[in-house]
Amino acid sequence: TSTNPGEGKSTVAINLAVALAQMERVLLIDADLRRPSIAAAFALPSDTPGLSNVLAQSDQLEDCLQKIDAGFDVLPAGIVPANPQEMLSTTGFKKLVTELSEQYDRIIIDSAPVNAVSDSLILATLADSLVYVVKADVTPQKLALNNIGLIRNNHLPLTGVVLNQLDLKKQDSYGK
């Protein structure tokens, strides 16, 4: 997750999937059911069925999984539902993650920004690890620290923080 939209969390998720797919069976799930971006990143049609379709039982899981040339599978968000948070809170979603964890070595879940909605906090309860993405020189430090505190106070598995889009030329005064 990240603090706000546009901090690069989807790009980090995609790059993580690419790296891990060199060694393991990887699935990337777009669980940002409000402003999904993974399907577009792989030039999939906007009406490609995905996670919301599986949870609404309008499509079968096998029909929603997309094989990507980079060597991993993608479960796009699917049709944007009216009730994203409710969909992610269901036992059906928990069962789906459990089922998928038997088929894949790693599941990477891209989620909505934590500052906008609590979807990411719900998703993190099912995760072994949470990576928080911060956009350098843009994300307000206080907001990021507050959200990291929220994650820790909820005993969620925060593994680390990615400082994204850092301009190294601005960092010259700190040395090499």
Protein backbone atom coordinates (compact mmCIF):
# COMPACT_ATOMS: atom_id res chain seq x y z
CA THR A 1 0.00 0.00 0.00
CA SER A 2 0.93 3.67 0.04
CA THR A 3 -0.33 6.88 1.62
CA ASN A 4 -1.96 8.45 -1.44
CA PRO A 5 -2.61 7.60 -5.11
CA GLY A 6 0.26 8.08 -7.53
CA GLU A 7 3.10 7.06 -5.23
CA GLY A 8 4.05 4.05 -7.34
CA LYS A 9 2.66 1.16 -5.30
CA SER A 10 1.36 -0.64 -8.41
CA THR A 11 4.71 -0.23 -10.15
CA VAL A 12 6.50 -1.58 -7.08
CA ALA A 13 4.07 -4.53 -6.98
CA ILE A 14 4.66 -5.28 -10.68
CA ASN A 15 8.45 -5.06 -10.30
CA LEU A 16 8.34 -7.28 -7.24
CA ALA A 17 6.31 -9.83 -9.22
CA VAL A 18 8.80 -9.72 -12.08
CA ALA A 19 11.74 -10.26 -9.73
CA LEU A 20 10.14 -13.08 -7.73
CA ALA A 21 8.84 -14.82 -10.87
CA GLN A 22 12.43 -15.60 -11.81
CA MET A 23 12.52 -18.07 -8.91
CA GLU A 24 8.94 -18.87 -7.92
CA ARG A 25 5.36 -19.24 -9.12
CA VAL A 26 3.89 -15.76 -8.64
CA LEU A 27 0.40 -14.28 -8.79
CA LEU A 28 -0.22 -10.53 -8.80
CA ILE A 29 -3.73 -9.58 -7.63
CA ASP A 30 -5.16 -6.14 -8.28
CA ALA A 31 -7.26 -5.65 -5.14
CA ASP A 32 -7.60 -1.91 -5.66
CA LEU A 33 -11.26 -2.27 -6.53
CA ARG A 34 -11.74 1.50 -6.63
CA ARG A 35 -9.04 2.65 -9.07
CA PRO A 36 -7.47 -0.51 -10.52
CA SER A 37 -4.37 -0.13 -12.68
CA ILE A 38 -2.80 -3.56 -13.16
CA ALA A 39 -4.91 -4.56 -16.19
CA ALA A 40 -3.97 -1.33 -17.98
CA ALA A 41 -0.29 -1.86 -17.16
CA PHE A 42 -0.40 -5.11 -19.13
CA ALA A 43 -2.65 -3.75 -21.90
CA LEU A 44 -5.54 -6.00 -20.91
CA PRO A 45 -8.98 -4.82 -22.07
CA SER A 46 -10.78 -2.73 -19.46
CA ASP A 47 -13.63 -5.26 -19.31
CA THR A 48 -11.31 -8.18 -18.49
CA PRO A 49 -12.98 -10.18 -15.72
CA GLY A 50 -11.08 -10.39 -12.47
CA LEU A 51 -11.22 -10.44 -8.71
CA SER A 52 -14.61 -8.73 -8.34
CA ASN A 53 -16.12 -11.10 -10.90
CA VAL A 54 -14.82 -14.13 -9.01
CA LEU A 55 -16.10 -12.79 -5.69
CA ALA A 56 -19.49 -11.95 -7.22
CA GLN A 57 -19.48 -15.47 -8.72
CA SER A 58 -20.17 -14.14 -12.22
CA ASP A 59 -16.97 -15.69 -13.61
CA GLN A 60 -14.81 -18.69 -12.79
CA LEU A 61 -11.34 -18.09 -11.35
CA GLU A 62 -9.66 -19.94 -14.22
CA ASP A 63 -11.27 -17.54 -16.70
CA CYS A 64 -9.97 -14.50 -14.82
CA LEU A 65 -6.32 -15.46 -14.36
CA GLN A 66 -4.08 -13.93 -17.03
CA LYS A 67 -0.67 -15.32 -17.96
CA ILE A 68 1.85 -12.51 -18.40
CA ASP A 69 4.92 -12.74 -20.64
CA ALA A 70 7.11 -11.73 -17.69
CA GLY A 71 6.52 -15.22 -16.25
CA PHE A 72 3.76 -14.73 -13.70
CA ASP A 73 -0.03 -14.65 -13.53
CA VAL A 74 -2.28 -11.68 -12.92
CA LEU A 75 -5.74 -11.55 -11.41
CA PRO A 76 -6.97 -8.12 -12.51
CA ALA A 77 -9.52 -6.21 -10.45
CA GLY A 78 -12.38 -6.91 -12.84
CA ILE A 79 -15.48 -4.77 -12.92
CA VAL A 80 -15.35 -1.96 -10.34
CA PRO A 81 -17.99 -2.91 -7.76
CA ALA A 82 -20.25 -0.61 -5.75
CA ASN A 83 -19.02 -2.13 -2.48
CA PRO A 84 -15.26 -2.80 -2.67
CA GLN A 85 -14.63 -2.91 1.07
CA GLU A 86 -17.48 -5.35 1.64
CA MET A 87 -16.15 -7.63 -1.12
CA LEU A 88 -12.67 -7.71 0.40
CA SER A 89 -14.11 -8.44 3.87
CA THR A 90 -15.99 -11.57 2.86
CA THR A 91 -15.14 -15.13 3.79
CA GLY A 92 -15.21 -15.77 0.05
CA PHE A 93 -12.17 -13.55 -0.40
CA LYS A 94 -10.36 -15.27 2.46
CA LYS A 95 -11.15 -18.67 0.92
CA LEU A 96 -9.94 -17.44 -2.47
CA VAL A 97 -6.59 -16.31 -1.02
CA THR A 98 -6.22 -19.65 0.76
CA GLU A 99 -7.01 -21.54 -2.45
CA LEU A 100 -4.57 -19.45 -4.47
CA SER A 101 -1.82 -19.86 -1.88
CA GLU A 102 -1.90 -23.59 -2.61
CA GLN A 103 -1.21 -22.90 -6.30
CA TYR A 104 1.41 -20.13 -6.01
CA ASP A 105 4.62 -19.67 -4.06
CA ARG A 106 4.03 -15.90 -3.76
CA ILE A 107 0.91 -13.79 -4.02
CA ILE A 108 1.40 -10.05 -4.33
CA ILE A 109 -1.70 -7.98 -3.62
CA ASP A 110 -1.83 -4.43 -4.93
CA SER A 111 -4.24 -2.36 -2.86
CA ALA A 112 -5.78 1.07 -2.49
CA PRO A 113 -3.86 3.78 -0.62
CA VAL A 114 -4.27 3.46 3.14
CA ASN A 115 -4.95 7.18 3.60
CA ALA A 116 -8.00 7.06 1.31
CA VAL A 117 -9.81 3.95 2.57
CA SER A 118 -9.20 1.06 4.94
CA ASP A 119 -9.21 -1.65 2.24
CA SER A 120 -5.45 -2.11 2.62
CA LEU A 121 -5.77 -2.70 6.35
CA ILE A 122 -8.35 -5.42 5.70
CA LEU A 123 -6.11 -7.05 3.09
CA ALA A 124 -3.08 -6.89 5.38
CA THR A 125 -4.83 -9.12 7.93
CA LEU A 126 -4.52 -11.93 5.35
CA ALA A 127 -0.94 -11.14 4.38
CA ASP A 128 2.39 -12.46 5.60
CA SER A 129 4.04 -9.18 4.70
CA LEU A 130 3.09 -5.56 4.03
CA VAL A 131 5.24 -3.15 2.03
CA TYR A 132 4.53 0.56 2.42
CA VAL A 133 5.45 2.74 -0.58
CA VAL A 134 6.40 6.38 -0.02
CA LYS A 135 7.03 8.81 -2.87
CA ALA A 136 10.16 10.84 -2.15
CA ASP A 137 9.70 14.60 -1.75
CA VAL A 138 5.92 14.27 -2.17
CA THR A 139 4.42 12.13 0.58
CA PRO A 140 4.06 14.26 3.71
CA GLN A 141 6.32 12.74 6.37
CA LYS A 142 3.72 13.19 9.10
CA LEU A 143 1.06 11.32 7.09
CA ALA A 144 3.44 8.48 6.30
CA LEU A 145 4.50 8.17 9.94
CA ASN A 146 0.86 8.28 11.11
CA ASN A 147 -0.10 5.53 8.68
CA ILE A 148 2.90 3.39 9.63
CA GLY A 149 1.84 3.86 13.25
CA LEU A 150 -1.69 2.78 12.33
CA ILE A 151 -0.31 -0.33 10.63
CA ARG A 152 1.86 -1.18 13.63
CA ASN A 153 -0.91 -0.46 16.17
CA ASN A 154 -3.13 -2.92 14.31
CA HIS A 155 -0.32 -5.52 14.51
CA LEU A 156 -0.16 -5.84 10.73
CA PRO A 157 2.93 -7.48 9.20
CA LEU A 158 4.88 -4.39 8.09
CA THR A 159 8.02 -5.73 6.45
CA GLY A 160 9.46 -2.50 5.16
CA VAL A 161 9.10 0.82 3.40
CA VAL A 162 10.04 1.55 -0.20
CA LEU A 163 11.22 5.10 -0.81
CA ASN A 164 10.08 5.48 -4.39
CA GLN A 165 11.03 7.95 -7.13
CA LEU A 166 13.99 9.32 -5.22
CA ASP A 167 15.93 11.92 -7.21
CA LEU A 168 19.54 11.04 -6.43
CA LYS A 169 20.78 14.33 -7.89
CA LYS A 170 19.00 16.15 -5.06
CA GLN A 171 20.81 13.96 -2.57
CA ASP A 172 24.35 15.05 -3.53
CA SER A 173 24.78 17.00 -0.33
CA TYR A 174 24.58 13.76 1.63
CA GLY A 175 27.52 12.21 -0.23
CA LYS A 176 27.66 8.90 -2.02
